Amino acid sequence: MEQNNQAILQDQLLNKAIEENKPVTVYLTRGNRITGYVKSFDRFCILLEVNGEEQLIFKHAVSTVVPHK
């Protein structure tokens, strides 16, 4: 898959989470998981709100993002 297509898929999933104000669980490469609301993102990081606090997560540390239903 091309790099542009990967970016489009990421953008779609993260934008939908923002638009619908639904939580996501982000699994990190070290096995940790963080659940919160996506507030913003760019090419390199995702800004999550977790328990009223903002956390900046760098995408290179992310293995999986799971949107909640």
PDB file of N, CA and C in Angstrom:
ATOM      1  N   MET A   1       0.839  -1.175   0.000  1.00  0.00           N
ATOM      2  CA  MET A   1       0.000   0.000   0.000  1.00  0.00           C
ATOM      3  C   MET A   1       0.884   1.239   0.000  1.00  0.00           C
ATOM      4  N   GLU A   2       0.491   2.228  -0.770  1.00  0.00           N
ATOM      5  CA  GLU A   2       1.267   3.455  -0.850  1.00  0.00           C
ATOM      6  C   GLU A   2       1.214   4.234   0.453  1.00  0.00           C
ATOM      7  N   GLN A   3       2.229   5.040   0.670  1.00  0.00           N
ATOM      8  CA  GLN A   3       2.276   5.852   1.887  1.00  0.00           C
ATOM      9  C   GLN A   3       1.108   6.835   1.934  1.00  0.00           C
ATOM     10  N   ASN A   4       0.718   7.408   0.796  1.00  0.00           N
ATOM     11  CA  ASN A   4      -0.417   8.338   0.768  1.00  0.00           C
ATOM     12  C   ASN A   4      -1.707   7.656   1.164  1.00  0.00           C
ATOM     13  N   ASN A   5      -1.924   6.425   0.693  1.00  0.00           N
ATOM     14  CA  ASN A   5      -3.129   5.687   1.054  1.00  0.00           C
ATOM     15  C   ASN A   5      -3.163   5.390   2.541  1.00  0.00           C
ATOM     16  N   GLN A   6      -2.025   5.070   3.134  1.00  0.00           N
ATOM     17  CA  GLN A   6      -1.960   4.813   4.573  1.00  0.00           C
ATOM     18  C   GLN A   6      -2.333   6.067   5.347  1.00  0.00           C
ATOM     19  N   ALA A   7      -1.832   7.205   4.903  1.00  0.00           N
ATOM     20  CA  ALA A   7      -2.138   8.467   5.577  1.00  0.00           C
ATOM     21  C   ALA A   7      -3.624   8.773   5.471  1.00  0.00           C
ATOM     22  N   ILE A   8      -4.223   8.502   4.329  1.00  0.00           N
ATOM     23  CA  ILE A   8      -5.652   8.753   4.144  1.00  0.00           C
ATOM     24  C   ILE A   8      -6.467   7.869   5.077  1.00  0.00           C
ATOM     25  N   LEU A   9      -6.110   6.606   5.225  1.00  0.00           N
ATOM     26  CA  LEU A   9      -6.831   5.712   6.131  1.00  0.00           C
ATOM     27  C   LEU A   9      -6.713   6.188   7.573  1.00  0.00           C
ATOM     28  N   GLN A  10      -5.523   6.572   7.974  1.00  0.00           N
ATOM     29  CA  GLN A  10      -5.327   7.098   9.330  1.00  0.00           C
ATOM     30  C   GLN A  10      -6.186   8.336   9.543  1.00  0.00           C
ATOM     31  N   ASP A  11      -6.124   9.240   8.585  1.00  0.00           N
ATOM     32  CA  ASP A  11      -6.880  10.489   8.702  1.00  0.00           C
ATOM     33  C   ASP A  11      -8.375  10.222   8.813  1.00  0.00           C
ATOM     34  N   GLN A  12      -8.887   9.296   8.008  1.00  0.00           N
ATOM     35  CA  GLN A  12     -10.315   8.987   8.041  1.00  0.00           C
ATOM     36  C   GLN A  12     -10.735   8.466   9.406  1.00  0.00           C
ATOM     37  N   LEU A  13      -9.991   7.522   9.938  1.00  0.00           N
ATOM     38  CA  LEU A  13     -10.339   6.938  11.233  1.00  0.00           C
ATOM     39  C   LEU A  13     -10.262   7.981  12.343  1.00  0.00           C
ATOM     40  N   LEU A  14      -9.196   8.750  12.373  1.00  0.00           N
ATOM     41  CA  LEU A  14      -9.018   9.740  13.434  1.00  0.00           C
ATOM     42  C   LEU A  14     -10.014  10.894  13.298  1.00  0.00           C
ATOM     43  N   ASN A  15     -10.282  11.340  12.073  1.00  0.00           N
ATOM     44  CA  ASN A  15     -11.277  12.398  11.867  1.00  0.00           C
ATOM     45  C   ASN A  15     -12.669  11.950  12.295  1.00  0.00           C
ATOM     46  N   LYS A  16     -13.020  10.709  12.002  1.00  0.00           N
ATOM     47  CA  LYS A  16     -14.327  10.185  12.406  1.00  0.00           C
ATOM     48  C   LYS A  16     -14.443  10.155  13.931  1.00  0.00           C
ATOM     49  N   ALA A  17     -13.382   9.761  14.612  1.00  0.00           N
ATOM     50  CA  ALA A  17     -13.388   9.744  16.077  1.00  0.00           C
ATOM     51  C   ALA A  17     -13.584  11.154  16.634  1.00  0.00           C
ATOM     52  N   ILE A  18     -12.981  12.144  15.984  1.00  0.00           N
ATOM     53  CA  ILE A  18     -13.147  13.536  16.419  1.00  0.00           C
ATOM     54  C   ILE A  18     -14.575  14.005  16.158  1.00  0.00           C
ATOM     55  N   GLU A  19     -15.056  13.785  14.931  1.00  0.00           N
ATOM     56  CA  GLU A  19     -16.388  14.254  14.537  1.00  0.00           C
ATOM     57  C   GLU A  19     -17.490  13.645  15.388  1.00  0.00           C
ATOM     58  N   GLU A  20     -17.379  12.357  15.689  1.00  0.00           N
ATOM     59  CA  GLU A  20     -18.421  11.663  16.447  1.00  0.00           C
ATOM     60  C   GLU A  20     -18.180  11.727  17.951  1.00  0.00           C
ATOM     61  N   ASN A  21     -17.073  12.339  18.354  1.00  0.00           N
ATOM     62  CA  ASN A  21     -16.703  12.453  19.768  1.00  0.00           C
ATOM     63  C   ASN A  21     -16.795  11.106  20.486  1.00  0.00           C
ATOM     64  N   LYS A  22     -16.244  10.090  19.825  1.00  0.00           N
ATOM     65  CA  LYS A  22     -16.226   8.741  20.398  1.00  0.00           C
ATOM     66  C   LYS A  22     -14.821   8.413  20.881  1.00  0.00           C
ATOM     67  N   PRO A  23     -14.732   7.688  21.986  1.00  0.00           N
ATOM     68  CA  PRO A  23     -13.405   7.335  22.496  1.00  0.00           C
ATOM     69  C   PRO A  23     -12.715   6.292  21.617  1.00  0.00           C
ATOM     70  N   VAL A  24     -11.411   6.279  21.696  1.00  0.00           N
ATOM     71  CA  VAL A  24     -10.593   5.264  21.033  1.00  0.00           C
ATOM     72  C   VAL A  24      -9.648   4.674  22.070  1.00  0.00           C
ATOM     73  N   THR A  25      -9.243   3.445  21.824  1.00  0.00           N
ATOM     74  CA  THR A  25      -8.174   2.851  22.620  1.00  0.00           C
ATOM     75  C   THR A  25      -6.947   2.758  21.732  1.00  0.00           C
ATOM     76  N   VAL A  26      -5.856   3.338  22.199  1.00  0.00           N
ATOM     77  CA  VAL A  26      -4.589   3.324  21.471  1.00  0.00           C
ATOM     78  C   VAL A  26      -3.677   2.323  22.167  1.00  0.00           C
ATOM     79  N   TYR A  27      -3.246   1.319  21.422  1.00  0.00           N
ATOM     80  CA  TYR A  27      -2.299   0.331  21.944  1.00  0.00           C
ATOM     81  C   TYR A  27      -0.906   0.742  21.492  1.00  0.00           C
ATOM     82  N   LEU A  28       0.000   0.801  22.441  1.00  0.00           N
ATOM     83  CA  LEU A  28       1.367   1.200  22.139  1.00  0.00           C
ATOM     84  C   LEU A  28       2.241  -0.025  21.871  1.00  0.00           C
ATOM     85  N   THR A  29       3.361   0.197  21.230  1.00  0.00           N
ATOM     86  CA  THR A  29       4.241  -0.913  20.860  1.00  0.00           C
ATOM     87  C   THR A  29       4.796  -1.641  22.077  1.00  0.00           C
ATOM     88  N   ARG A  30       4.826  -0.990  23.226  1.00  0.00           N
ATOM     89  CA  ARG A  30       5.321  -1.628  24.458  1.00  0.00           C
ATOM     90  C   ARG A  30       4.231  -2.409  25.183  1.00  0.00           C
ATOM     91  N   GLY A  31       3.004  -2.396  24.636  1.00  0.00           N
ATOM     92  CA  GLY A  31       1.922  -3.161  25.237  1.00  0.00           C
ATOM     93  C   GLY A  31       0.957  -2.347  26.076  1.00  0.00           C
ATOM     94  N   ASN A  32       1.297  -1.098  26.387  1.00  0.00           N
ATOM     95  CA  ASN A  32       0.390  -0.242  27.145  1.00  0.00           C
ATOM     96  C   ASN A  32      -0.819   0.103  26.285  1.00  0.00           C
ATOM     97  N   ARG A  33      -1.919   0.446  26.950  1.00  0.00           N
ATOM     98  CA  ARG A  33      -3.063   0.949  26.199  1.00  0.00           C
ATOM     99  C   ARG A  33      -3.572   2.210  26.870  1.00  0.00           C
ATOM    100  N   ILE A  34      -4.046   3.121  26.038  1.00  0.00           N
ATOM    101  CA  ILE A  34      -4.560   4.399  26.511  1.00  0.00           C
ATOM    102  C   ILE A  34      -5.919   4.606  25.856  1.00  0.00           C
ATOM    103  N   THR A  35      -6.939   4.890  26.662  1.00  0.00           N
ATOM    104  CA  THR A  35      -8.273   5.147  26.136  1.00  0.00           C
ATOM    105  C   THR A  35      -8.619   6.603  26.378  1.00  0.00           C
ATOM    106  N   GLY A  36      -9.075   7.263  25.328  1.00  0.00           N
ATOM    107  CA  GLY A  36      -9.448   8.667  25.447  1.00  0.00           C
ATOM    108  C   GLY A  36     -10.085   9.172  24.171  1.00  0.00           C
ATOM    109  N   TYR A  37     -10.230  10.481  24.098  1.00  0.00           N
ATOM    110  CA  TYR A  37     -10.862  11.137  22.957  1.00  0.00           C
ATOM    111  C   TYR A  37      -9.802  11.838  22.120  1.00  0.00           C
ATOM    112  N   VAL A  38      -9.838  11.608  20.807  1.00  0.00           N
ATOM    113  CA  VAL A  38      -8.897  12.264  19.899  1.00  0.00           C
ATOM    114  C   VAL A  38      -9.295  13.734  19.786  1.00  0.00           C
ATOM    115  N   LYS A  39      -8.380  14.615  20.102  1.00  0.00           N
ATOM    116  CA  LYS A  39      -8.629  16.052  20.004  1.00  0.00           C
ATOM    117  C   LYS A  39      -8.009  16.633  18.743  1.00  0.00           C
ATOM    118  N   SER A  40      -6.883  16.059  18.315  1.00  0.00           N
ATOM    119  CA  SER A  40      -6.191  16.534  17.134  1.00  0.00           C
ATOM    120  C   SER A  40      -5.120  15.515  16.755  1.00  0.00           C
ATOM    121  N   PHE A  41      -4.576  15.669  15.557  1.00  0.00           N
ATOM    122  CA  PHE A  41      -3.490  14.796  15.109  1.00  0.00           C
ATOM    123  C   PHE A  41      -2.784  15.452  13.943  1.00  0.00           C
ATOM    124  N   ASP A  42      -1.573  14.989  13.692  1.00  0.00           N
ATOM    125  CA  ASP A  42      -0.837  15.393  12.502  1.00  0.00           C
ATOM    126  C   ASP A  42      -0.058  14.187  11.991  1.00  0.00           C
ATOM    127  N   ARG A  43       0.919  14.416  11.148  1.00  0.00           N
ATOM    128  CA  ARG A  43       1.682  13.303  10.571  1.00  0.00           C
ATOM    129  C   ARG A  43       2.420  12.497  11.617  1.00  0.00           C
ATOM    130  N   PHE A  44       2.782  13.125  12.728  1.00  0.00           N
ATOM    131  CA  PHE A  44       3.678  12.488  13.682  1.00  0.00           C
ATOM    132  C   PHE A  44       3.059  12.123  15.025  1.00  0.00           C
ATOM    133  N   CYS A  45       1.941  12.734  15.380  1.00  0.00           N
ATOM    134  CA  CYS A  45       1.413  12.503  16.727  1.00  0.00           C
ATOM    135  C   CYS A  45      -0.110  12.593  16.778  1.00  0.00           C
ATOM    136  N   ILE A  46      -0.654  12.096  17.886  1.00  0.00           N
ATOM    137  CA  ILE A  46      -2.088  12.135  18.168  1.00  0.00           C
ATOM    138  C   ILE A  46      -2.248  12.784  19.540  1.00  0.00           C
ATOM    139  N   LEU A  47      -3.141  13.766  19.626  1.00  0.00           N
ATOM    140  CA  LEU A  47      -3.439  14.405  20.901  1.00  0.00           C
ATOM    141  C   LEU A  47      -4.717  13.785  21.451  1.00  0.00           C
ATOM    142  N   LEU A  48      -4.595  13.098  22.592  1.00  0.00           N
ATOM    143  CA  LEU A  48      -5.735  12.442  23.240  1.00  0.00           C
ATOM    144  C   LEU A  48      -6.087  13.178  24.518  1.00  0.00           C
ATOM    145  N   GLU A  49      -7.388  13.251  24.805  1.00  0.00           N
ATOM    146  CA  GLU A  49      -7.838  13.721  26.112  1.00  0.00           C
ATOM    147  C   GLU A  49      -8.189  12.495  26.932  1.00  0.00           C
ATOM    148  N   VAL A  50      -7.499  12.331  28.047  1.00  0.00           N
ATOM    149  CA  VAL A  50      -7.672  11.172  28.922  1.00  0.00           C
ATOM    150  C   VAL A  50      -7.962  11.686  30.330  1.00  0.00           C
ATOM    151  N   ASN A  51      -9.160  11.389  30.824  1.00  0.00           N
ATOM    152  CA  ASN A  51      -9.559  11.839  32.170  1.00  0.00           C
ATOM    153  C   ASN A  51      -9.339  13.336  32.370  1.00  0.00           C
ATOM    154  N   GLY A  52      -9.701  14.116  31.353  1.00  0.00           N
ATOM    155  CA  GLY A  52      -9.585  15.569  31.448  1.00  0.00           C
ATOM    156  C   GLY A  52      -8.195  16.121  31.208  1.00  0.00           C
ATOM    157  N   GLU A  53      -7.223  15.263  30.996  1.00  0.00           N
ATOM    158  CA  GLU A  53      -5.835  15.677  30.746  1.00  0.00           C
ATOM    159  C   GLU A  53      -5.471  15.373  29.296  1.00  0.00           C
ATOM    160  N   GLU A  54      -4.643  16.214  28.698  1.00  0.00           N
ATOM    161  CA  GLU A  54      -4.181  15.965  27.336  1.00  0.00           C
ATOM    162  C   GLU A  54      -2.899  15.144  27.351  1.00  0.00           C
ATOM    163  N   GLN A  55      -2.838  14.171  26.436  1.00  0.00           N
ATOM    164  CA  GLN A  55      -1.629  13.363  26.269  1.00  0.00           C
ATOM    165  C   GLN A  55      -1.247  13.379  24.797  1.00  0.00           C
ATOM    166  N   LEU A  56      -0.004  13.678  24.526  1.00  0.00           N
ATOM    167  CA  LEU A  56       0.520  13.685  23.171  1.00  0.00           C
ATOM    168  C   LEU A  56       1.220  12.356  22.931  1.00  0.00           C
ATOM    169  N   ILE A  57       0.726  11.604  21.959  1.00  0.00           N
ATOM    170  CA  ILE A  57       1.267  10.278  21.664  1.00  0.00           C
ATOM    171  C   ILE A  57       1.911  10.324  20.285  1.00  0.00           C
ATOM    172  N   PHE A  58       3.151   9.924  20.212  1.00  0.00           N
ATOM    173  CA  PHE A  58       3.837   9.905  18.926  1.00  0.00           C
ATOM    174  C   PHE A  58       3.467   8.639  18.167  1.00  0.00           C
ATOM    175  N   LYS A  59       3.128   8.798  16.894  1.00  0.00           N
ATOM    176  CA  LYS A  59       2.627   7.682  16.091  1.00  0.00           C
ATOM    177  C   LYS A  59       3.631   6.541  15.980  1.00  0.00           C
ATOM    178  N   HIS A  60       4.924   6.814  16.040  1.00  0.00           N
ATOM    179  CA  HIS A  60       5.893   5.724  15.924  1.00  0.00           C
ATOM    180  C   HIS A  60       5.788   4.756  17.104  1.00  0.00           C
ATOM    181  N   ALA A  61       5.128   5.183  18.194  1.00  0.00           N
ATOM    182  CA  ALA A  61       4.958   4.329  19.373  1.00  0.00           C
ATOM    183  C   ALA A  61       3.617   3.589  19.369  1.00  0.00           C
ATOM    184  N   VAL A  62       2.790   3.823  18.344  1.00  0.00           N
ATOM    185  CA  VAL A  62       1.449   3.233  18.280  1.00  0.00           C
ATOM    186  C   VAL A  62       1.469   1.967  17.434  1.00  0.00           C
ATOM    187  N   SER A  63       0.842   0.911  17.963  1.00  0.00           N
ATOM    188  CA  SER A  63       0.691  -0.300  17.155  1.00  0.00           C
ATOM    189  C   SER A  63      -0.722  -0.422  16.599  1.00  0.00           C
ATOM    190  N   THR A  64      -1.742  -0.016  17.379  1.00  0.00           N
ATOM    191  CA  THR A  64      -3.135  -0.192  16.968  1.00  0.00           C
ATOM    192  C   THR A  64      -3.996   0.918  17.549  1.00  0.00           C
ATOM    193  N   VAL A  65      -4.991   1.351  16.770  1.00  0.00           N
ATOM    194  CA  VAL A  65      -6.006   2.283  17.266  1.00  0.00           C
ATOM    195  C   VAL A  65      -7.361   1.620  17.064  1.00  0.00           C
ATOM    196  N   VAL A  66      -8.125   1.491  18.157  1.00  0.00           N
ATOM    197  CA  VAL A  66      -9.431   0.828  18.098  1.00  0.00           C
ATOM    198  C   VAL A  66     -10.510   1.828  18.497  1.00  0.00           C
ATOM    199  N   PRO A  67     -11.390   2.202  17.545  1.00  0.00           N
ATOM    200  CA  PRO A  67     -12.492   3.096  17.901  1.00  0.00           C
ATOM    201  C   PRO A  67     -13.570   2.337  18.671  1.00  0.00           C
ATOM    202  N   HIS A  68     -14.191   2.993  19.647  1.00  0.00           N
ATOM    203  CA  HIS A  68     -15.287   2.384  20.400  1.00  0.00           C
ATOM    204  C   HIS A  68     -16.586   2.608  19.649  1.00  0.00           C
ATOM    205  N   LYS A  69     -17.541   1.721  19.872  1.00  0.00           N
ATOM    206  CA  LYS A  69     -18.849   1.853  19.211  1.00  0.00           C
ATOM    207  C   LYS A  69     -19.842   2.514  20.109  1.00  0.00           C
TER     208      LYS A  69
END
